[in-house]
Amino acid sequence: MDAFYASVEVLDDPSLAGKPLIVGGMEGRGVVSSASYEARRYGVRSAMGVAQALRLCPQAIVVPPHFERYSALSRQVMEIFHEVTPLVEPLSIDEAFLDVSGARRLWGSPGEIARLLRSRVHSETGLVCSVGVAATKHVAKIASTLSKPDGLLIVSEPETAAFLAALPVRALWGVGPKAAESLEGRGIRLVSDVLAAPRAVIERALGRAGGARIWQLAHGIDPREVETERVEKSVGHEETFLEDVADPAVLRSELRRLADRVAARLRGGGWEAASVALKLRYADFTTLTRTSTLPEPTDVGQRIGEVAIGLFDALDLEQPVRLIGVRAERLRAGSGALGLWDDDADWRRVDAALDGARERFGGGAVTRASVLGPRRDVNALPTNPRLPRDN
């Protein structure tokens, strides 16, 4: 999907069309979740601070994110994909791999299927998407990126080697800024340079495992198949405060609120967490993370909150806090089986009541009394807004 969050905001408010648009928290301390292509021309990017984005593009319009709306449209798009092929691997809320090798008899060539998907997504949702067609996931990913916005790029298997050779090494999936600097420092700037270099040189630059992977990708080798069964690794929420917070009681209260949101997402996806992580960023941007393994996996908000607060209390609060977050990790499918004695039985009933109220009246309908008060967060964002598929 092209600039997904921003495109949804334009869909819901056509007056924003053609204007530089930033989806993010309030001006000053918020973070850019998405930006329209009009704003991107000025250098605005996701994860950038809104204040910096507005310095780059002062005329940009800032709107708050509406994640429930994005989730609903994401599900609609994924349903379209599943109607074309059952082999769909969601990569994120707005991106997926599709294996169409078995769908050609029904829908036509891969290129025809790509055009069909683009047409259906636009006609049924009003949104546009870009599609890359290739023989491997890696090349399809690169092709979709290069075809944006609102484009289609087909790289046939015989054309793959020439297509890859002309690309910069930074285009390879998995080559981040540090890896790129290490390669470029050795004069390896294009994929063709990777092909010409001895494999040992690549492995010295990136390590044995990383070098072997990049060497394979540069040669068009990618045996990974589309995986329809996704294994969620973590679920988290974090928030950036409008003003730095130094009061431990306030921070504990915010951790409770975030833990409840994480737990609700766990229950919604049928997951339990075996460990809980705390993320804390001080006013000077120093960032700490702490993790604790649970005695037994859980999806109970009270339990997750207690662990997060325990991790927080073990820290020396050296300065005011700019950002705080809670993440549930080492997820497994919830068994639904309880022991003869369940210490969390009362809290499970509370969570069930909260889930029912949120389903009927919306996400902000019910909250803990301890978190009532003035709104302190600029944006409380899911750190990995992937959606479990509905069965």
Protein backbone atom coordinates (compact mmCIF):
# COMPACT_ATOMS: atom_id res chain seq x y z
CA MET A 1 0.00 0.00 0.00
CA ASP A 2 1.28 3.49 -0.87
CA ALA A 3 1.75 5.85 2.12
CA PHE A 4 -0.98 3.79 3.75
CA TYR A 5 -1.91 5.84 6.82
CA ALA A 6 -1.72 9.12 4.90
CA SER A 7 -3.73 7.66 2.01
CA VAL A 8 -6.48 6.56 4.39
CA GLU A 9 -6.66 10.07 5.86
CA VAL A 10 -7.02 11.52 2.35
CA LEU A 11 -9.68 8.92 1.56
CA ASP A 12 -11.68 10.05 4.60
CA ASP A 13 -11.03 13.76 4.00
CA PRO A 14 -10.63 14.48 0.26
CA SER A 15 -9.75 18.12 1.01
CA LEU A 16 -6.29 16.81 2.01
CA ALA A 17 -5.60 15.40 -1.47
CA GLY A 18 -2.49 16.77 -3.15
CA LYS A 19 -1.25 18.48 0.02
CA PRO A 20 1.80 17.66 2.14
CA LEU A 21 0.33 15.56 4.93
CA ILE A 22 1.89 14.18 8.11
CA VAL A 23 0.19 11.51 10.19
CA GLY A 24 1.60 11.66 13.69
CA GLY A 25 1.42 13.04 17.19
CA MET A 26 0.93 16.62 18.21
CA GLU A 27 3.41 19.16 16.94
CA GLY A 28 6.65 19.38 18.88
CA ARG A 29 7.10 15.97 20.50
CA GLY A 30 5.21 13.59 18.25
CA VAL A 31 6.63 11.11 15.78
CA VAL A 32 5.73 10.81 12.10
CA SER A 33 3.79 7.57 11.51
CA SER A 34 3.30 8.24 7.80
CA ALA A 35 3.65 11.05 5.30
CA SER A 36 2.12 11.72 1.93
CA TYR A 37 4.38 11.73 -1.10
CA GLU A 38 3.95 15.52 -1.29
CA ALA A 39 5.57 15.77 2.18
CA ARG A 40 8.21 13.15 1.39
CA ARG A 41 9.56 15.36 -1.39
CA TYR A 42 10.77 17.68 1.37
CA GLY A 43 12.60 14.86 3.17
CA VAL A 44 9.86 13.94 5.65
CA ARG A 45 10.08 10.28 6.65
CA SER A 46 8.40 7.86 9.05
CA ALA A 47 9.83 7.74 12.61
CA MET A 48 11.08 11.33 12.25
CA GLY A 49 10.05 13.78 14.93
CA VAL A 50 7.11 15.94 13.90
CA ALA A 51 9.02 19.08 14.87
CA GLN A 52 11.85 18.18 12.50
CA ALA A 53 9.35 17.24 9.78
CA LEU A 54 7.69 20.65 10.08
CA ARG A 55 11.05 22.39 9.80
CA LEU A 56 11.58 20.55 6.53
CA CYS A 57 8.03 21.16 5.33
CA PRO A 58 6.44 24.08 7.25
CA GLN A 59 3.28 24.00 5.14
CA ALA A 60 2.50 20.37 6.01
CA ILE A 61 -0.82 19.48 7.61
CA VAL A 62 -0.53 17.28 10.72
CA VAL A 63 -3.35 14.87 11.54
CA PRO A 64 -3.48 12.32 14.40
CA PRO A 65 -3.41 8.61 13.52
CA HIS A 66 -6.60 6.53 13.51
CA PHE A 67 -5.36 2.97 13.91
CA GLU A 68 -8.76 1.31 14.14
CA ARG A 69 -9.61 2.73 10.71
CA TYR A 70 -6.27 1.58 9.27
CA SER A 71 -6.83 -1.89 10.72
CA ALA A 72 -10.28 -2.17 9.16
CA LEU A 73 -9.01 -1.22 5.71
CA SER A 74 -6.00 -3.52 6.08
CA ARG A 75 -8.32 -6.46 6.72
CA GLN A 76 -10.37 -5.52 3.66
CA VAL A 77 -7.24 -5.46 1.48
CA MET A 78 -5.99 -8.77 2.86
CA GLU A 79 -9.39 -10.33 2.12
CA ILE A 80 -9.01 -9.28 -1.52
CA PHE A 81 -5.62 -10.98 -1.61
CA HIS A 82 -7.03 -14.18 -0.14
CA GLU A 83 -9.77 -14.25 -2.78
CA VAL A 84 -7.05 -14.44 -5.45
CA THR A 85 -4.73 -16.93 -3.72
CA PRO A 86 -4.74 -18.68 -0.33
CA LEU A 87 -0.95 -18.27 -0.16
CA VAL A 88 -0.70 -14.83 1.46
CA GLU A 89 1.99 -13.79 3.94
CA PRO A 90 1.25 -10.43 5.60
CA LEU A 91 4.51 -8.62 6.13
CA SER A 92 2.94 -5.74 8.04
CA ILE A 93 -0.38 -3.93 8.27
CA ASP A 94 0.05 -2.58 4.72
CA GLU A 95 2.22 -5.11 2.89
CA ALA A 96 2.07 -8.78 1.94
CA PHE A 97 3.68 -11.45 -0.20
CA LEU A 98 1.43 -13.49 -2.49
CA ASP A 99 2.40 -16.77 -4.14
CA VAL A 100 0.35 -16.85 -7.36
CA SER A 101 2.04 -19.83 -8.97
CA GLY A 102 -1.08 -21.95 -8.42
CA ALA A 103 -3.53 -19.22 -9.40
CA ARG A 104 -2.40 -18.66 -12.99
CA ARG A 105 -4.89 -21.08 -14.54
CA LEU A 106 -7.74 -19.21 -12.89
CA TRP A 107 -6.56 -15.60 -13.10
CA GLY A 108 -3.90 -15.47 -15.84
CA SER A 109 -0.21 -14.59 -15.86
CA PRO A 110 1.49 -13.06 -12.79
CA GLY A 111 1.38 -9.66 -14.52
CA GLU A 112 -2.35 -10.02 -15.18
CA ILE A 113 -2.91 -11.02 -11.56
CA ALA A 114 -0.96 -7.98 -10.38
CA ARG A 115 -3.09 -5.67 -12.53
CA LEU A 116 -6.24 -7.38 -11.24
CA LEU A 117 -5.16 -6.87 -7.63
CA ARG A 118 -4.35 -3.21 -8.16
CA SER A 119 -7.69 -2.66 -9.86
CA ARG A 120 -9.69 -4.46 -7.18
CA VAL A 121 -7.93 -2.74 -4.28
CA HIS A 122 -8.64 0.65 -5.81
CA SER A 123 -12.25 -0.05 -6.79
CA GLU A 124 -13.19 -1.72 -3.48
CA THR A 125 -11.29 0.47 -1.00
CA GLY A 126 -10.47 3.68 -2.85
CA LEU A 127 -6.76 3.17 -2.08
CA VAL A 128 -3.83 2.53 -4.40
CA CYS A 129 -1.07 -0.03 -4.08
CA SER A 130 2.17 -0.80 -5.84
CA VAL A 131 3.10 -4.33 -6.87
CA GLY A 132 6.39 -6.00 -7.65
CA VAL A 133 6.31 -9.28 -9.57
CA ALA A 134 9.33 -11.58 -9.52
CA ALA A 135 10.47 -15.17 -9.09
CA THR A 136 11.65 -14.60 -5.48
CA LYS A 137 10.41 -12.70 -2.44
CA HIS A 138 13.54 -10.57 -2.30
CA VAL A 139 13.30 -9.32 -5.88
CA ALA A 140 9.53 -8.83 -5.61
CA LYS A 141 10.12 -6.67 -2.54
CA ILE A 142 12.68 -4.51 -4.35
CA ALA A 143 10.44 -4.24 -7.41
CA SER A 144 7.46 -3.08 -5.37
CA THR A 145 9.61 -0.41 -3.70
CA LEU A 146 10.96 0.87 -7.01
CA SER A 147 7.48 0.96 -8.57
CA LYS A 148 6.06 3.32 -5.92
CA PRO A 149 3.89 5.26 -5.95
CA ASP A 150 0.92 3.62 -7.69
CA GLY A 151 3.04 1.43 -9.93
CA LEU A 152 3.74 -2.06 -11.17
CA LEU A 153 7.16 -3.54 -11.98
CA ILE A 154 7.63 -7.04 -13.40
CA VAL A 155 11.07 -8.66 -13.24
CA SER A 156 11.11 -11.97 -15.09
CA GLU A 157 13.42 -14.72 -13.93
CA PRO A 158 15.81 -14.34 -16.92
CA GLU A 159 16.03 -10.59 -16.25
CA THR A 160 16.77 -10.97 -12.54
CA ALA A 161 20.58 -10.98 -12.69
CA ALA A 162 20.79 -7.81 -14.82
CA PHE A 163 18.10 -6.11 -12.71
CA LEU A 164 19.97 -6.75 -9.46
CA ALA A 165 23.44 -5.92 -10.80
CA ALA A 166 22.57 -2.29 -11.53
CA LEU A 167 21.19 -1.60 -8.05
CA PRO A 168 23.06 0.05 -5.17
CA VAL A 169 23.94 -2.35 -2.35
CA ARG A 170 21.57 -0.41 -0.07
CA ALA A 171 18.67 -1.74 -2.15
CA LEU A 172 19.33 -5.30 -1.00
CA TRP A 173 16.92 -6.49 1.65
CA GLY A 174 18.79 -6.58 4.95
CA VAL A 175 21.53 -4.08 4.09
CA GLY A 176 21.02 -1.28 6.58
CA PRO A 177 23.05 1.92 6.94
CA LYS A 178 25.89 0.32 8.95
CA ALA A 179 26.21 -2.67 6.60
CA ALA A 180 26.12 -0.32 3.60
CA GLU A 181 28.89 1.83 5.08
CA SER A 182 31.02 -1.25 5.71
CA LEU A 183 30.60 -2.40 2.11
CA GLU A 184 31.04 1.05 0.59
CA GLY A 185 34.20 1.53 2.62
CA ARG A 186 35.61 -1.37 0.64
CA GLY A 187 34.53 0.11 -2.67
CA ILE A 188 31.48 -2.13 -2.93
CA ARG A 189 28.71 0.27 -3.91
CA LEU A 190 26.65 -1.63 -6.47
CA VAL A 191 25.32 -5.17 -6.47
CA SER A 192 27.60 -5.76 -9.44
CA ASP A 193 30.50 -4.99 -7.09
CA VAL A 194 29.25 -7.70 -4.72
CA LEU A 195 29.18 -10.12 -7.64
CA ALA A 196 32.74 -9.23 -8.59
CA ALA A 197 34.16 -9.40 -5.05
CA PRO A 198 35.39 -12.65 -3.47
CA ARG A 199 32.84 -14.02 -1.06
CA ALA A 200 35.41 -13.83 1.75
CA VAL A 201 35.58 -10.04 1.36
CA ILE A 202 31.82 -9.73 1.78
CA GLU A 203 31.89 -11.96 4.85
CA ARG A 204 34.70 -9.92 6.42
CA ALA A 205 32.61 -6.78 5.96
CA LEU A 206 29.33 -8.20 7.26
CA GLY A 207 30.26 -11.28 9.26
CA ARG A 208 29.97 -14.85 8.07
CA ALA A 209 26.19 -15.19 8.34
CA GLY A 210 25.36 -11.69 7.07
CA GLY A 211 27.91 -11.89 4.28
CA ALA A 212 26.64 -15.28 3.12
CA ARG A 213 23.06 -13.99 3.03
CA ILE A 214 23.91 -10.84 1.06
CA TRP A 215 26.09 -12.84 -1.35
CA GLN A 216 23.13 -15.14 -2.04
CA LEU A 217 20.66 -12.29 -2.50
CA ALA A 218 23.03 -10.49 -4.87
CA HIS A 219 23.13 -13.66 -6.98
CA GLY A 220 19.33 -13.86 -7.01
CA ILE A 221 19.26 -16.83 -4.63
CA ASP A 222 16.33 -16.65 -2.20
CA PRO A 223 14.76 -20.02 -1.32
CA ARG A 224 12.23 -18.55 1.11
CA GLU A 225 8.64 -19.48 0.37
CA VAL A 226 5.50 -17.53 1.17
CA GLU A 227 4.57 -18.53 4.73
CA THR A 228 0.86 -18.37 5.44
CA GLU A 229 1.29 -19.27 9.12
CA ARG A 230 2.79 -16.22 10.76
CA VAL A 231 4.54 -16.45 14.09
CA GLU A 232 4.14 -13.21 16.01
CA LYS A 233 7.31 -12.37 17.93
CA SER A 234 6.08 -9.48 20.05
CA VAL A 235 3.27 -7.01 20.67
CA GLY A 236 4.01 -3.58 22.08
CA HIS A 237 2.77 -0.07 22.72
CA GLU A 238 4.85 3.00 23.48
CA GLU A 239 4.13 6.67 23.93
CA THR A 240 5.98 9.96 23.73
CA PHE A 241 4.98 12.53 26.34
CA LEU A 242 3.96 16.08 25.50
CA GLU A 243 6.22 17.18 28.35
CA ASP A 244 8.95 15.15 30.04
CA VAL A 245 7.62 13.30 33.10
CA ALA A 246 9.64 12.99 36.32
CA ASP A 247 6.92 11.72 38.68
CA PRO A 248 7.31 7.95 39.21
CA ALA A 249 3.63 7.62 40.16
CA VAL A 250 2.57 9.10 36.83
CA LEU A 251 4.93 6.80 34.96
CA ARG A 252 3.62 3.73 36.79
CA SER A 253 0.09 4.77 35.88
CA GLU A 254 1.04 5.11 32.22
CA LEU A 255 2.68 1.68 32.31
CA ARG A 256 -0.61 0.25 33.58
CA ARG A 257 -2.46 1.82 30.69
CA LEU A 258 0.02 0.58 28.11
CA ALA A 259 0.04 -2.91 29.63
CA ASP A 260 -3.76 -3.06 29.34
CA ARG A 261 -3.53 -2.13 25.65
CA VAL A 262 -0.85 -4.76 25.03
CA ALA A 263 -2.89 -7.40 26.83
CA ALA A 264 -6.00 -6.53 24.83
CA ARG A 265 -4.06 -7.04 21.60
CA LEU A 266 -2.74 -10.37 22.88
CA ARG A 267 -6.24 -11.59 23.66
CA GLY A 268 -7.52 -10.31 20.33
CA GLY A 269 -4.89 -12.36 18.51
CA GLY A 270 -5.16 -15.45 20.70
CA TRP A 271 -1.60 -15.04 22.09
CA GLU A 272 0.09 -15.30 25.46
CA ALA A 273 3.43 -13.73 26.37
CA ALA A 274 6.28 -15.54 28.10
CA SER A 275 8.23 -12.35 28.82
CA VAL A 276 7.63 -8.61 29.23
CA ALA A 277 9.95 -5.79 28.18
CA LEU A 278 10.11 -2.18 29.36
CA LYS A 279 11.42 0.63 27.14
CA LEU A 280 12.31 4.01 28.63
CA ARG A 281 13.80 7.05 26.93
CA TYR A 282 15.15 9.93 29.00
CA ALA A 283 14.94 13.59 28.11
CA ASP A 284 18.44 13.46 26.61
CA PHE A 285 17.31 10.56 24.33
CA THR A 286 19.26 7.93 26.29
CA THR A 287 17.20 4.77 25.84
CA LEU A 288 17.03 1.77 28.19
CA THR A 289 15.33 -1.60 27.74
CA ARG A 290 14.77 -4.21 30.42
CA THR A 291 13.16 -7.64 30.06
CA SER A 292 11.73 -10.14 32.54
CA THR A 293 10.67 -13.75 31.95
CA LEU A 294 7.27 -14.65 33.38
CA PRO A 295 6.68 -17.69 35.63
CA GLU A 296 4.05 -18.74 33.10
CA PRO A 297 2.73 -17.15 29.87
CA THR A 298 -0.15 -14.70 30.26
CA ASP A 299 -2.51 -12.34 28.44
CA VAL A 300 -3.71 -10.63 31.63
CA GLY A 301 -3.21 -6.87 31.70
CA GLN A 302 -2.75 -6.70 35.47
CA ARG A 303 0.04 -9.27 35.38
CA ILE A 304 1.85 -7.60 32.46
CA GLY A 305 1.54 -4.23 34.17
CA GLU A 306 2.96 -5.54 37.44
CA VAL A 307 6.01 -6.95 35.67
CA ALA A 308 6.56 -3.73 33.68
CA ILE A 309 6.30 -1.65 36.86
CA GLY A 310 8.71 -4.01 38.62
CA LEU A 311 11.25 -3.44 35.85
CA PHE A 312 10.68 0.31 36.11
CA ASP A 313 11.10 0.37 39.89
CA ALA A 314 14.45 -1.40 39.55
CA LEU A 315 15.81 1.57 37.56
CA ASP A 316 17.34 4.72 38.98
CA LEU A 317 15.25 7.54 37.54
CA GLU A 318 18.20 9.71 36.59
CA GLN A 319 16.23 12.38 34.72
CA PRO A 320 12.73 13.09 33.36
CA VAL A 321 11.28 10.60 30.90
CA ARG A 322 10.42 11.44 27.30
CA LEU A 323 9.07 8.07 26.11
CA ILE A 324 7.90 4.88 27.78
CA GLY A 325 6.77 1.57 26.35
CA VAL A 326 5.64 -1.96 27.21
CA ARG A 327 6.20 -4.97 24.99
CA ALA A 328 5.00 -8.58 25.31
CA GLU A 329 7.58 -10.97 23.89
CA ARG A 330 8.15 -14.69 23.21
CA LEU A 331 4.55 -15.14 22.18
CA ARG A 332 2.78 -18.46 21.92
CA ALA A 333 -0.74 -19.45 20.99
CA GLY A 334 -3.04 -19.22 23.99
CA SER A 335 -4.09 -22.65 25.22
CA GLY A 336 -7.23 -21.52 27.03
CA ALA A 337 -6.53 -24.20 29.64
CA LEU A 338 -6.40 -23.09 33.27
CA GLY A 339 -5.08 -24.91 36.29
CA LEU A 340 -7.19 -26.05 39.21
CA TRP A 341 -6.39 -22.75 40.89
CA ASP A 342 -6.10 -19.56 38.81
CA ASP A 343 -4.59 -16.65 40.71
CA ASP A 344 -5.68 -14.31 37.91
CA ALA A 345 -9.31 -15.44 37.73
CA ASP A 346 -10.69 -12.13 39.01
CA TRP A 347 -8.50 -10.12 36.65
CA ARG A 348 -9.51 -12.32 33.73
CA ARG A 349 -13.14 -11.44 34.44
CA VAL A 350 -12.21 -7.76 34.52
CA ASP A 351 -10.37 -8.09 31.20
CA ALA A 352 -13.33 -9.90 29.64
CA ALA A 353 -15.64 -7.08 30.75
CA LEU A 354 -13.24 -4.47 29.37
CA ASP A 355 -12.95 -6.31 26.05
CA GLY A 356 -16.73 -6.43 25.76
CA ALA A 357 -17.08 -2.73 26.52
CA ARG A 358 -14.40 -1.78 24.00
CA GLU A 359 -16.01 -3.94 21.33
CA ARG A 360 -19.37 -2.29 21.86
CA PHE A 361 -18.38 1.31 22.54
CA GLY A 362 -14.83 1.78 21.19
CA GLY A 363 -11.29 1.61 22.46
CA GLY A 364 -11.49 4.60 24.81
CA ALA A 365 -14.80 3.71 26.40
CA VAL A 366 -13.40 2.13 29.57
CA THR A 367 -10.11 2.61 31.39
CA ARG A 368 -8.61 2.31 34.84
CA ALA A 369 -9.52 5.01 37.33
CA SER A 370 -5.82 5.36 38.12
CA VAL A 371 -5.06 6.65 34.61
CA LEU A 372 -7.82 9.25 34.49
CA GLY A 373 -6.66 12.84 34.24
CA PRO A 374 -5.13 15.20 31.71
CA ARG A 375 -3.83 13.61 28.53
CA ARG A 376 -0.04 13.41 28.78
CA ASP A 377 0.92 11.45 25.71
CA VAL A 378 1.59 12.92 22.31
CA ASN A 379 0.97 9.60 20.64
CA ALA A 380 0.53 6.13 22.09
CA LEU A 381 1.43 3.99 19.12
CA PRO A 382 1.59 0.26 18.54
CA THR A 383 5.24 -0.45 17.91
CA ASN A 384 4.44 -3.25 15.50
CA PRO A 385 0.89 -2.79 14.21
CA ARG A 386 0.64 -6.21 12.55
CA LEU A 387 -2.78 -7.74 12.48
CA PRO A 388 -3.48 -11.36 13.39
CA ARG A 389 -5.66 -12.88 10.71
CA ASP A 390 -9.24 -13.59 11.67
CA ASN A 391 -10.13 -17.27 11.39
